[in-house]
Amino acid sequence: MRNPWLEIPLEDYEGHMSLPSVGQAKMLADHFESLIRQHSPASVALIGCAGGNGLERISPRALDRIVAVDINPDYIAKTGIRHARRLKGLELHCADAESDSMQFAPVDLIYAALLFEYVDAAATMRSLKRHCRPGGILATVLQLPHAVQQAVSPSPYTNLSLLTPRMRLLAPADLCRCSTAAGFVIAEAAAIELPSGKQFRAQNFRSEAAMEGGSV
């Protein structure tokens, strides 16, 4: 089955996320900016970057390396057009985050927001661990179930309905279990609620150093 993220035009996705009734584009960019300010990383990776939402918040000389990853080549191309000239350390990778096709040097901070709803959590955690430096931070944002609202908000951008069969809301506790198995430890967590009433869980995990040798 073809991945629905390859079928949705970037203009539709960004239009949907920026609708006042959705409001998620600004929330995600605000959170990304806050993480950079809090952790002062030298290098970051934006996983599922779409058109690069949040990269506009980074000062040109603030970071040594910036990695942007997405499965959709059109999204990656647009990210480059928008940001490569201003952000000299920008690396662009068209890759699946849960597979070995994602290959880049490890970074200090990985931002994976609204990603785990569409991937195999255990495989993706293992992949992200390979790309996070020991002591580095994996920052995640999960959408939580809502008693009334649909998981994918209704909007004029009807292509977004393609995501509904693929989307699976993951419990924060399940993500923690996957992170522990991959070699992360939970560092902090916080609730996010939008004016629409939709709720999210932000969880930061710290990458532990790999253990040398085997058990006896």
N, C-alpha and C. Protein backbone atom coordinates (compact mmCIF):
# COMPACT_ATOMS: atom_id res chain seq x y z
N MET A 1 0.84 -1.20 0.00
CA MET A 1 0.00 0.00 0.00
C MET A 1 0.88 1.26 0.00
N ARG A 2 0.65 2.15 -0.93
CA ARG A 2 1.45 3.36 -1.04
C ARG A 2 1.23 4.26 0.17
N ASN A 3 2.33 4.82 0.67
CA ASN A 3 2.25 5.69 1.83
C ASN A 3 1.43 6.94 1.49
N PRO A 4 0.39 7.26 2.28
CA PRO A 4 -0.44 8.43 1.95
C PRO A 4 0.31 9.74 1.98
N TRP A 5 1.43 9.79 2.71
CA TRP A 5 2.20 11.03 2.75
C TRP A 5 2.82 11.36 1.39
N LEU A 6 2.87 10.39 0.50
CA LEU A 6 3.37 10.64 -0.86
C LEU A 6 2.28 11.17 -1.78
N GLU A 7 1.04 11.18 -1.29
CA GLU A 7 -0.10 11.58 -2.11
C GLU A 7 -0.63 12.98 -1.78
N ILE A 8 -0.19 13.55 -0.68
CA ILE A 8 -0.76 14.82 -0.21
C ILE A 8 0.14 15.98 -0.62
N PRO A 9 -0.34 16.90 -1.44
CA PRO A 9 0.46 18.07 -1.80
C PRO A 9 0.83 18.89 -0.57
N LEU A 10 2.05 19.41 -0.57
CA LEU A 10 2.52 20.19 0.58
C LEU A 10 1.60 21.37 0.85
N GLU A 11 1.09 22.01 -0.21
CA GLU A 11 0.21 23.17 -0.02
C GLU A 11 -1.05 22.79 0.75
N ASP A 12 -1.56 21.59 0.50
CA ASP A 12 -2.74 21.14 1.23
C ASP A 12 -2.41 20.87 2.69
N TYR A 13 -1.30 20.19 2.93
CA TYR A 13 -0.92 19.88 4.32
C TYR A 13 -0.68 21.17 5.12
N GLU A 14 0.10 22.08 4.55
CA GLU A 14 0.40 23.31 5.27
C GLU A 14 -0.85 24.17 5.44
N GLY A 15 -1.70 24.19 4.43
CA GLY A 15 -2.95 24.94 4.56
C GLY A 15 -3.81 24.39 5.68
N HIS A 16 -3.91 23.08 5.75
CA HIS A 16 -4.68 22.43 6.80
C HIS A 16 -4.11 22.74 8.18
N MET A 17 -2.81 22.56 8.35
CA MET A 17 -2.19 22.74 9.66
C MET A 17 -2.23 24.19 10.15
N SER A 18 -2.35 25.13 9.21
CA SER A 18 -2.38 26.55 9.57
C SER A 18 -3.77 27.10 9.78
N LEU A 19 -4.80 26.30 9.49
CA LEU A 19 -6.17 26.78 9.72
C LEU A 19 -6.37 27.17 11.19
N PRO A 20 -7.09 28.26 11.46
CA PRO A 20 -7.36 28.63 12.86
C PRO A 20 -8.03 27.51 13.64
N SER A 21 -8.84 26.71 12.98
CA SER A 21 -9.53 25.61 13.67
C SER A 21 -8.61 24.43 13.96
N VAL A 22 -7.43 24.41 13.34
CA VAL A 22 -6.45 23.35 13.57
C VAL A 22 -5.29 23.89 14.42
N GLY A 23 -4.61 24.90 13.94
CA GLY A 23 -3.63 25.62 14.74
C GLY A 23 -2.38 24.85 15.12
N GLN A 24 -2.08 23.78 14.41
CA GLN A 24 -0.96 22.94 14.84
C GLN A 24 0.38 23.41 14.29
N ALA A 25 0.40 24.10 13.16
CA ALA A 25 1.67 24.54 12.59
C ALA A 25 2.40 25.47 13.55
N LYS A 26 1.71 26.45 14.08
CA LYS A 26 2.34 27.39 15.01
C LYS A 26 2.76 26.69 16.29
N MET A 27 1.92 25.81 16.81
CA MET A 27 2.25 25.09 18.03
C MET A 27 3.55 24.31 17.87
N LEU A 28 3.69 23.60 16.75
CA LEU A 28 4.88 22.79 16.53
C LEU A 28 6.13 23.65 16.37
N ALA A 29 6.01 24.76 15.65
CA ALA A 29 7.15 25.66 15.48
C ALA A 29 7.53 26.32 16.80
N ASP A 30 6.54 26.73 17.58
CA ASP A 30 6.82 27.32 18.89
C ASP A 30 7.57 26.33 19.79
N HIS A 31 7.13 25.08 19.77
CA HIS A 31 7.75 24.08 20.63
C HIS A 31 9.18 23.79 20.18
N PHE A 32 9.40 23.71 18.89
CA PHE A 32 10.74 23.50 18.35
C PHE A 32 11.67 24.64 18.77
N GLU A 33 11.20 25.85 18.63
CA GLU A 33 12.00 27.02 19.02
C GLU A 33 12.33 26.98 20.51
N SER A 34 11.35 26.60 21.32
CA SER A 34 11.56 26.52 22.77
C SER A 34 12.60 25.45 23.12
N LEU A 35 12.57 24.32 22.42
CA LEU A 35 13.54 23.25 22.69
C LEU A 35 14.96 23.71 22.37
N ILE A 36 15.14 24.41 21.27
CA ILE A 36 16.47 24.90 20.91
C ILE A 36 16.96 25.91 21.94
N ARG A 37 16.09 26.76 22.38
CA ARG A 37 16.45 27.74 23.39
C ARG A 37 16.81 27.07 24.72
N GLN A 38 16.06 26.02 25.07
CA GLN A 38 16.28 25.33 26.35
C GLN A 38 17.58 24.51 26.35
N HIS A 39 17.87 23.80 25.25
CA HIS A 39 18.97 22.84 25.24
C HIS A 39 20.23 23.35 24.55
N SER A 40 20.15 24.44 23.82
CA SER A 40 21.30 25.03 23.13
C SER A 40 22.14 23.98 22.38
N PRO A 41 21.52 23.20 21.50
CA PRO A 41 22.28 22.18 20.78
C PRO A 41 23.17 22.81 19.70
N ALA A 42 24.22 22.08 19.34
CA ALA A 42 25.04 22.49 18.20
C ALA A 42 24.48 21.95 16.91
N SER A 43 23.68 20.87 17.01
CA SER A 43 23.13 20.22 15.82
C SER A 43 21.73 19.71 16.12
N VAL A 44 20.85 19.81 15.14
CA VAL A 44 19.47 19.35 15.31
C VAL A 44 19.03 18.58 14.07
N ALA A 45 18.03 17.71 14.25
CA ALA A 45 17.39 17.03 13.14
C ALA A 45 15.88 17.18 13.28
N LEU A 46 15.25 17.57 12.19
CA LEU A 46 13.79 17.74 12.13
C LEU A 46 13.25 16.57 11.31
N ILE A 47 12.60 15.63 11.98
CA ILE A 47 12.13 14.40 11.33
C ILE A 47 10.67 14.57 10.92
N GLY A 48 10.36 14.27 9.67
CA GLY A 48 9.03 14.57 9.15
C GLY A 48 8.90 16.07 8.98
N CYS A 49 9.85 16.65 8.25
CA CYS A 49 9.98 18.12 8.22
C CYS A 49 8.91 18.80 7.38
N ALA A 50 8.20 18.05 6.51
CA ALA A 50 7.25 18.67 5.58
C ALA A 50 7.96 19.78 4.80
N GLY A 51 7.47 21.01 4.89
CA GLY A 51 8.11 22.11 4.18
C GLY A 51 9.11 22.88 5.01
N GLY A 52 9.47 22.32 6.18
CA GLY A 52 10.47 22.97 7.03
C GLY A 52 9.88 23.84 8.11
N ASN A 53 8.63 23.58 8.50
CA ASN A 53 8.00 24.37 9.56
C ASN A 53 8.89 24.39 10.80
N GLY A 54 9.22 25.57 11.28
CA GLY A 54 10.08 25.74 12.44
C GLY A 54 11.49 26.17 12.09
N LEU A 55 11.96 25.84 10.90
CA LEU A 55 13.32 26.22 10.51
C LEU A 55 13.46 27.73 10.40
N GLU A 56 12.36 28.41 10.10
CA GLU A 56 12.42 29.87 10.02
C GLU A 56 12.71 30.51 11.37
N ARG A 57 12.57 29.75 12.45
CA ARG A 57 12.85 30.27 13.79
C ARG A 57 14.34 30.19 14.14
N ILE A 58 15.14 29.52 13.33
CA ILE A 58 16.55 29.32 13.64
C ILE A 58 17.38 30.44 13.02
N SER A 59 18.21 31.08 13.82
CA SER A 59 19.12 32.10 13.31
C SER A 59 20.19 31.45 12.44
N PRO A 60 20.63 32.12 11.38
CA PRO A 60 21.56 31.50 10.43
C PRO A 60 22.83 30.96 11.06
N ARG A 61 23.34 31.58 12.11
CA ARG A 61 24.61 31.15 12.70
C ARG A 61 24.42 30.48 14.06
N ALA A 62 23.21 30.11 14.39
CA ALA A 62 22.94 29.57 15.73
C ALA A 62 23.41 28.13 15.89
N LEU A 63 23.41 27.35 14.79
CA LEU A 63 23.71 25.93 14.88
C LEU A 63 24.78 25.55 13.85
N ASP A 64 25.56 24.52 14.18
CA ASP A 64 26.57 24.03 13.25
C ASP A 64 25.94 23.19 12.14
N ARG A 65 24.96 22.36 12.50
CA ARG A 65 24.31 21.48 11.54
C ARG A 65 22.82 21.45 11.77
N ILE A 66 22.07 21.41 10.67
CA ILE A 66 20.62 21.27 10.72
C ILE A 66 20.25 20.20 9.70
N VAL A 67 19.59 19.15 10.16
CA VAL A 67 19.20 18.05 9.30
C VAL A 67 17.68 18.05 9.15
N ALA A 68 17.19 17.97 7.93
CA ALA A 68 15.76 17.89 7.67
C ALA A 68 15.48 16.60 6.91
N VAL A 69 14.51 15.82 7.42
CA VAL A 69 14.20 14.51 6.84
C VAL A 69 12.70 14.43 6.57
N ASP A 70 12.36 13.90 5.40
CA ASP A 70 10.96 13.59 5.12
C ASP A 70 10.90 12.49 4.08
N ILE A 71 9.82 11.73 4.10
CA ILE A 71 9.64 10.64 3.15
C ILE A 71 9.20 11.14 1.78
N ASN A 72 8.66 12.35 1.72
CA ASN A 72 8.13 12.90 0.47
C ASN A 72 9.19 13.77 -0.21
N PRO A 73 9.65 13.39 -1.40
CA PRO A 73 10.71 14.17 -2.06
C PRO A 73 10.29 15.60 -2.41
N ASP A 74 9.02 15.81 -2.67
CA ASP A 74 8.55 17.17 -2.96
C ASP A 74 8.66 18.05 -1.72
N TYR A 75 8.36 17.49 -0.56
CA TYR A 75 8.49 18.25 0.68
C TYR A 75 9.95 18.65 0.91
N ILE A 76 10.85 17.70 0.71
CA ILE A 76 12.28 17.98 0.90
C ILE A 76 12.76 19.05 -0.08
N ALA A 77 12.33 18.96 -1.32
CA ALA A 77 12.73 19.95 -2.31
C ALA A 77 12.27 21.35 -1.91
N LYS A 78 11.04 21.45 -1.43
CA LYS A 78 10.52 22.75 -1.01
C LYS A 78 11.26 23.28 0.21
N THR A 79 11.61 22.40 1.13
CA THR A 79 12.39 22.81 2.30
C THR A 79 13.72 23.43 1.86
N GLY A 80 14.36 22.79 0.89
CA GLY A 80 15.62 23.33 0.39
C GLY A 80 15.45 24.69 -0.26
N ILE A 81 14.42 24.83 -1.06
CA ILE A 81 14.17 26.11 -1.72
C ILE A 81 13.96 27.21 -0.69
N ARG A 82 13.25 26.90 0.37
CA ARG A 82 12.93 27.92 1.36
C ARG A 82 14.09 28.26 2.29
N HIS A 83 14.92 27.28 2.61
CA HIS A 83 15.83 27.48 3.75
C HIS A 83 17.31 27.25 3.47
N ALA A 84 17.68 26.57 2.38
CA ALA A 84 19.08 26.19 2.21
C ALA A 84 20.01 27.39 2.06
N ARG A 85 19.56 28.43 1.40
CA ARG A 85 20.43 29.59 1.22
C ARG A 85 20.70 30.30 2.53
N ARG A 86 19.70 30.38 3.38
CA ARG A 86 19.86 31.10 4.66
C ARG A 86 20.56 30.26 5.71
N LEU A 87 20.26 28.95 5.73
CA LEU A 87 20.83 28.06 6.74
C LEU A 87 21.93 27.23 6.07
N LYS A 88 23.17 27.69 6.20
CA LYS A 88 24.28 27.10 5.46
C LYS A 88 24.58 25.67 5.88
N GLY A 89 24.23 25.29 7.10
CA GLY A 89 24.50 23.93 7.57
C GLY A 89 23.37 22.96 7.34
N LEU A 90 22.43 23.31 6.45
CA LEU A 90 21.24 22.48 6.26
C LEU A 90 21.55 21.26 5.40
N GLU A 91 21.20 20.07 5.93
CA GLU A 91 21.30 18.81 5.19
C GLU A 91 19.89 18.32 4.92
N LEU A 92 19.63 17.90 3.70
CA LEU A 92 18.30 17.44 3.29
C LEU A 92 18.36 15.96 2.96
N HIS A 93 17.44 15.18 3.55
CA HIS A 93 17.42 13.74 3.35
C HIS A 93 15.98 13.29 3.07
N CYS A 94 15.78 12.66 1.93
CA CYS A 94 14.50 12.02 1.64
C CYS A 94 14.62 10.58 2.09
N ALA A 95 13.94 10.23 3.17
CA ALA A 95 14.11 8.91 3.77
C ALA A 95 12.92 8.57 4.65
N ASP A 96 12.76 7.28 4.88
CA ASP A 96 11.75 6.75 5.79
C ASP A 96 12.38 6.64 7.17
N ALA A 97 11.80 7.32 8.15
CA ALA A 97 12.40 7.39 9.48
C ALA A 97 12.49 6.05 10.19
N GLU A 98 11.68 5.08 9.80
CA GLU A 98 11.70 3.79 10.49
C GLU A 98 12.57 2.75 9.79
N SER A 99 13.32 3.17 8.77
CA SER A 99 14.10 2.20 8.01
C SER A 99 15.57 2.61 7.96
N ASP A 100 16.38 1.71 7.42
CA ASP A 100 17.81 1.98 7.27
C ASP A 100 18.10 2.99 6.17
N SER A 101 17.09 3.41 5.45
CA SER A 101 17.31 4.42 4.41
C SER A 101 17.65 5.79 5.00
N MET A 102 17.34 5.99 6.27
CA MET A 102 17.69 7.25 6.93
C MET A 102 19.10 7.14 7.47
N GLN A 103 19.99 7.93 6.93
CA GLN A 103 21.39 7.90 7.31
C GLN A 103 21.95 9.32 7.39
N PHE A 104 22.29 9.76 8.59
CA PHE A 104 23.02 11.01 8.76
C PHE A 104 23.79 10.94 10.06
N ALA A 105 24.82 11.75 10.19
CA ALA A 105 25.64 11.75 11.39
C ALA A 105 24.80 12.16 12.60
N PRO A 106 25.03 11.55 13.76
CA PRO A 106 24.22 11.84 14.94
C PRO A 106 24.23 13.32 15.32
N VAL A 107 23.13 13.75 15.92
CA VAL A 107 22.94 15.15 16.32
C VAL A 107 22.63 15.23 17.81
N ASP A 108 22.65 16.47 18.32
CA ASP A 108 22.39 16.72 19.74
C ASP A 108 20.91 16.70 20.09
N LEU A 109 20.07 17.13 19.14
CA LEU A 109 18.63 17.23 19.39
C LEU A 109 17.87 16.75 18.18
N ILE A 110 16.98 15.79 18.38
CA ILE A 110 16.07 15.32 17.34
C ILE A 110 14.66 15.75 17.70
N TYR A 111 13.98 16.36 16.74
CA TYR A 111 12.59 16.77 16.95
C TYR A 111 11.70 15.91 16.07
N ALA A 112 10.89 15.07 16.70
CA ALA A 112 10.00 14.15 15.99
C ALA A 112 8.58 14.38 16.50
N ALA A 113 7.93 15.38 15.93
CA ALA A 113 6.59 15.78 16.38
C ALA A 113 5.54 15.25 15.43
N LEU A 114 4.49 14.63 15.98
CA LEU A 114 3.39 14.06 15.19
C LEU A 114 3.92 13.10 14.13
N LEU A 115 4.92 12.33 14.53
CA LEU A 115 5.51 11.32 13.66
C LEU A 115 5.05 9.91 14.02
N PHE A 116 5.00 9.63 15.32
CA PHE A 116 4.76 8.26 15.77
C PHE A 116 3.33 7.78 15.51
N GLU A 117 2.46 8.70 15.14
CA GLU A 117 1.10 8.31 14.76
C GLU A 117 1.07 7.55 13.43
N TYR A 118 2.16 7.61 12.67
CA TYR A 118 2.15 7.06 11.30
C TYR A 118 3.24 6.03 11.04
N VAL A 119 3.98 5.64 12.07
CA VAL A 119 5.11 4.73 11.88
C VAL A 119 5.06 3.62 12.91
N ASP A 120 5.89 2.60 12.69
CA ASP A 120 6.09 1.58 13.70
C ASP A 120 6.97 2.18 14.79
N ALA A 121 6.43 2.30 15.99
CA ALA A 121 7.12 3.04 17.05
C ALA A 121 8.44 2.40 17.45
N ALA A 122 8.47 1.08 17.59
CA ALA A 122 9.68 0.41 18.03
C ALA A 122 10.80 0.55 16.99
N ALA A 123 10.47 0.32 15.72
CA ALA A 123 11.47 0.43 14.66
C ALA A 123 11.98 1.87 14.52
N THR A 124 11.07 2.82 14.65
CA THR A 124 11.46 4.22 14.51
C THR A 124 12.33 4.67 15.68
N MET A 125 12.01 4.22 16.88
CA MET A 125 12.84 4.54 18.03
C MET A 125 14.26 4.01 17.85
N ARG A 126 14.38 2.80 17.36
CA ARG A 126 15.72 2.23 17.14
C ARG A 126 16.48 3.05 16.09
N SER A 127 15.77 3.46 15.05
CA SER A 127 16.39 4.27 14.01
C SER A 127 16.84 5.63 14.57
N LEU A 128 15.99 6.26 15.34
CA LEU A 128 16.33 7.57 15.90
C LEU A 128 17.48 7.47 16.90
N LYS A 129 17.57 6.35 17.62
CA LYS A 129 18.67 6.18 18.58
C LYS A 129 20.01 6.21 17.87
N ARG A 130 20.08 5.64 16.66
CA ARG A 130 21.33 5.64 15.91
C ARG A 130 21.76 7.05 15.52
N HIS A 131 20.80 7.96 15.47
CA HIS A 131 21.08 9.31 14.98
C HIS A 131 21.13 10.35 16.11
N CYS A 132 21.08 9.89 17.35
CA CYS A 132 21.11 10.80 18.50
C CYS A 132 22.39 10.55 19.28
N ARG A 133 23.15 11.59 19.50
CA ARG A 133 24.41 11.46 20.23
C ARG A 133 24.15 11.03 21.68
N PRO A 134 25.10 10.31 22.29
CA PRO A 134 24.96 9.99 23.71
C PRO A 134 24.76 11.27 24.54
N GLY A 135 23.74 11.27 25.35
CA GLY A 135 23.41 12.47 26.12
C GLY A 135 22.52 13.44 25.37
N GLY A 136 22.28 13.17 24.09
CA GLY A 136 21.41 14.03 23.30
C GLY A 136 19.94 13.83 23.63
N ILE A 137 19.11 14.68 23.06
CA ILE A 137 17.68 14.70 23.36
C ILE A 137 16.86 14.32 22.13
N LEU A 138 15.92 13.40 22.32
CA LEU A 138 14.86 13.13 21.35
C LEU A 138 13.59 13.76 21.89
N ALA A 139 13.09 14.77 21.20
CA ALA A 139 11.87 15.47 21.61
C ALA A 139 10.72 15.01 20.73
N THR A 140 9.65 14.54 21.36
CA THR A 140 8.50 14.03 20.63
C THR A 140 7.24 14.78 21.04
N VAL A 141 6.27 14.78 20.14
CA VAL A 141 4.93 15.29 20.43
C VAL A 141 3.93 14.27 19.92
N LEU A 142 3.07 13.79 20.79
CA LEU A 142 2.02 12.84 20.44
C LEU A 142 0.66 13.52 20.52
N GLN A 143 -0.20 13.21 19.57
CA GLN A 143 -1.60 13.64 19.67
C GLN A 143 -2.35 12.65 20.55
N LEU A 144 -3.17 13.17 21.44
CA LEU A 144 -3.95 12.33 22.34
C LEU A 144 -5.38 12.18 21.83
N PRO A 145 -6.03 11.10 22.19
CA PRO A 145 -7.43 10.93 21.76
C PRO A 145 -8.33 12.01 22.35
N HIS A 146 -9.36 12.35 21.61
CA HIS A 146 -10.34 13.35 22.07
C HIS A 146 -11.72 12.71 22.06
N ALA A 147 -12.50 13.05 23.08
CA ALA A 147 -13.81 12.41 23.23
C ALA A 147 -14.76 12.73 22.08
N VAL A 148 -14.59 13.90 21.47
CA VAL A 148 -15.54 14.36 20.46
C VAL A 148 -14.88 14.56 19.10
N GLN A 149 -13.72 15.19 19.07
CA GLN A 149 -13.11 15.58 17.81
C GLN A 149 -12.48 14.39 17.09
N GLN A 150 -12.50 14.46 15.77
CA GLN A 150 -11.85 13.45 14.95
C GLN A 150 -10.34 13.58 15.05
N ALA A 151 -9.65 12.46 14.86
CA ALA A 151 -8.19 12.47 14.93
C ALA A 151 -7.60 13.40 13.88
N VAL A 152 -8.10 13.32 12.64
CA VAL A 152 -7.73 14.26 11.59
C VAL A 152 -8.85 15.27 11.47
N SER A 153 -8.57 16.51 11.81
CA SER A 153 -9.60 17.54 11.85
C SER A 153 -10.21 17.77 10.48
N PRO A 154 -11.54 17.93 10.41
CA PRO A 154 -12.17 18.26 9.13
C PRO A 154 -11.64 19.60 8.61
N SER A 155 -11.49 19.69 7.28
CA SER A 155 -11.02 20.94 6.69
C SER A 155 -11.35 20.94 5.21
N PRO A 156 -11.20 22.08 4.55
CA PRO A 156 -11.43 22.13 3.10
C PRO A 156 -10.41 21.31 2.31
N TYR A 157 -9.31 20.93 2.96
CA TYR A 157 -8.25 20.19 2.28
C TYR A 157 -8.57 18.70 2.40
N THR A 158 -9.39 18.24 1.48
CA THR A 158 -9.94 16.89 1.59
C THR A 158 -8.90 15.79 1.42
N ASN A 159 -7.75 16.11 0.81
CA ASN A 159 -6.70 15.11 0.67
C ASN A 159 -6.21 14.58 2.01
N LEU A 160 -6.38 15.38 3.05
CA LEU A 160 -5.91 14.95 4.37
C LEU A 160 -6.65 13.72 4.87
N SER A 161 -7.83 13.46 4.32
CA SER A 161 -8.59 12.27 4.73
C SER A 161 -7.85 10.99 4.38
N LEU A 162 -6.86 11.05 3.46
CA LEU A 162 -6.06 9.89 3.12
C LEU A 162 -5.27 9.37 4.32
N LEU A 163 -5.03 10.24 5.30
CA LEU A 163 -4.24 9.86 6.47
C LEU A 163 -5.04 9.03 7.47
N THR A 164 -6.35 9.13 7.43
CA THR A 164 -7.18 8.51 8.46
C THR A 164 -6.93 7.01 8.62
N PRO A 165 -6.88 6.22 7.52
CA PRO A 165 -6.65 4.78 7.71
C PRO A 165 -5.27 4.46 8.28
N ARG A 166 -4.31 5.33 8.06
CA ARG A 166 -2.92 5.09 8.48
C ARG A 166 -2.68 5.54 9.91
N MET A 167 -3.42 6.54 10.36
CA MET A 167 -3.14 7.18 11.64
C MET A 167 -3.55 6.29 12.82
N ARG A 168 -2.62 6.12 13.76
CA ARG A 168 -2.87 5.38 14.99
C ARG A 168 -2.33 6.20 16.15
N LEU A 169 -3.22 6.63 17.04
CA LEU A 169 -2.78 7.42 18.18
C LEU A 169 -2.08 6.50 19.18
N LEU A 170 -0.86 6.86 19.53
CA LEU A 170 -0.02 6.06 20.41
C LEU A 170 -0.08 6.62 21.82
N ALA A 171 -0.29 5.76 22.80
CA ALA A 171 -0.31 6.20 24.20
C ALA A 171 1.10 6.62 24.63
N PRO A 172 1.23 7.71 25.39
CA PRO A 172 2.55 8.13 25.86
C PRO A 172 3.30 7.03 26.61
N ALA A 173 2.60 6.21 27.38
CA ALA A 173 3.26 5.12 28.10
C ALA A 173 3.85 4.10 27.13
N ASP A 174 3.17 3.85 26.02
CA ASP A 174 3.70 2.91 25.02
C ASP A 174 4.95 3.49 24.35
N LEU A 175 4.94 4.79 24.11
CA LEU A 175 6.13 5.40 23.53
C LEU A 175 7.30 5.32 24.51
N CYS A 176 7.03 5.50 25.78
CA CYS A 176 8.08 5.37 26.80
C CYS A 176 8.68 3.97 26.80
N ARG A 177 7.84 2.97 26.66
CA ARG A 177 8.35 1.60 26.64
C ARG A 177 9.25 1.37 25.43
N CYS A 178 8.83 1.89 24.28
CA CYS A 178 9.66 1.75 23.09
C CYS A 178 10.97 2.51 23.24
N SER A 179 10.91 3.66 23.87
CA SER A 179 12.13 4.45 24.04
C SER A 179 13.12 3.75 24.96
N THR A 180 12.63 3.15 26.03
CA THR A 180 13.49 2.43 26.95
C THR A 180 14.17 1.25 26.26
N ALA A 181 13.41 0.52 25.48
CA ALA A 181 13.96 -0.63 24.76
C ALA A 181 15.04 -0.20 23.76
N ALA A 182 14.91 1.02 23.21
CA ALA A 182 15.87 1.50 22.23
C ALA A 182 17.11 2.12 22.85
N GLY A 183 17.06 2.43 24.16
CA GLY A 183 18.23 3.02 24.80
C GLY A 183 18.08 4.47 25.19
N PHE A 184 16.84 4.92 25.32
CA PHE A 184 16.56 6.27 25.82
C PHE A 184 16.00 6.20 27.23
N VAL A 185 16.09 7.31 27.95
CA VAL A 185 15.42 7.44 29.25
C VAL A 185 14.57 8.70 29.19
N ILE A 186 13.40 8.65 29.81
CA ILE A 186 12.52 9.80 29.83
C ILE A 186 13.15 10.91 30.66
N ALA A 187 13.16 12.11 30.11
CA ALA A 187 13.75 13.25 30.81
C ALA A 187 12.69 14.20 31.34
N GLU A 188 11.66 14.46 30.55
CA GLU A 188 10.59 15.35 30.99
C GLU A 188 9.40 15.18 30.07
N ALA A 189 8.25 15.61 30.56
CA ALA A 189 7.02 15.52 29.79
C ALA A 189 6.11 16.68 30.17
N ALA A 190 5.28 17.09 29.21
CA ALA A 190 4.37 18.20 29.46
C ALA A 190 3.14 18.05 28.57
N ALA A 191 2.03 18.62 29.02
CA ALA A 191 0.79 18.61 28.27
C ALA A 191 0.70 19.87 27.42
N ILE A 192 0.14 19.74 26.23
CA ILE A 192 -0.14 20.86 25.35
C ILE A 192 -1.61 20.78 24.95
N GLU A 193 -2.34 21.87 25.10
CA GLU A 193 -3.74 21.92 24.68
C GLU A 193 -3.94 23.14 23.80
N LEU A 194 -4.56 22.93 22.65
CA LEU A 194 -4.83 24.01 21.72
C LEU A 194 -6.20 24.62 21.99
N PRO A 195 -6.45 25.84 21.50
CA PRO A 195 -7.76 26.44 21.67
C PRO A 195 -8.89 25.57 21.13
N SER A 196 -8.60 24.74 20.14
CA SER A 196 -9.62 23.85 19.58
C SER A 196 -10.06 22.78 20.57
N GLY A 197 -9.26 22.57 21.61
CA GLY A 197 -9.53 21.51 22.57
C GLY A 197 -8.69 20.27 22.36
N LYS A 198 -8.01 20.17 21.22
CA LYS A 198 -7.14 19.02 20.99
C LYS A 198 -5.97 19.05 21.96
N GLN A 199 -5.60 17.88 22.41
CA GLN A 199 -4.54 17.76 23.42
C GLN A 199 -3.39 16.93 22.87
N PHE A 200 -2.19 17.27 23.35
CA PHE A 200 -0.97 16.62 22.91
C PHE A 200 -0.08 16.37 24.13
N ARG A 201 0.83 15.42 23.98
CA ARG A 201 1.80 15.14 25.04
C ARG A 201 3.20 15.30 24.48
N ALA A 202 3.94 16.24 25.03
CA ALA A 202 5.34 16.43 24.66
C ALA A 202 6.20 15.63 25.62
N GLN A 203 7.06 14.78 25.07
CA GLN A 203 7.95 13.96 25.88
C GLN A 203 9.37 14.09 25.34
N ASN A 204 10.30 14.36 26.23
CA ASN A 204 11.71 14.44 25.88
C ASN A 204 12.44 13.24 26.46
N PHE A 205 13.24 12.58 25.62
CA PHE A 205 14.01 11.41 26.03
C PHE A 205 15.49 11.70 25.85
N ARG A 206 16.29 11.24 26.80
CA ARG A 206 17.74 11.42 26.70
C ARG A 206 18.38 10.12 26.24
N SER A 207 19.31 10.24 25.29
CA SER A 207 19.98 9.08 24.74
C SER A 207 21.09 8.61 25.67
N GLU A 208 21.01 7.35 26.07
CA GLU A 208 22.05 6.78 26.92
C GLU A 208 23.20 6.28 26.05
N ALA A 209 24.40 6.28 26.64
CA ALA A 209 25.55 5.74 25.94
C ALA A 209 25.39 4.24 25.76
N ALA A 210 25.84 3.72 24.65
CA ALA A 210 25.77 2.29 24.39
C ALA A 210 26.64 1.54 25.37
N MET A 211 26.14 0.42 25.87
CA MET A 211 26.90 -0.42 26.79
C MET A 211 27.93 -1.23 26.02
N GLU A 212 29.12 -1.30 26.55
CA GLU A 212 30.18 -2.08 25.91
C GLU A 212 30.15 -3.51 26.45
N GLY A 213 30.42 -4.47 25.56
CA GLY A 213 30.46 -5.87 26.01
C GLY A 213 29.07 -6.44 26.15
N GLY A 214 28.96 -7.69 26.48
CA GLY A 214 27.69 -8.35 26.64
C GLY A 214 27.45 -8.75 28.09
N SER A 215 26.28 -9.28 28.36
CA SER A 215 25.95 -9.71 29.71
C SER A 215 26.49 -11.12 29.94
N VAL A 216 26.68 -11.44 31.20
CA VAL A 216 27.18 -12.78 31.55
C VAL A 216 26.21 -13.44 32.52
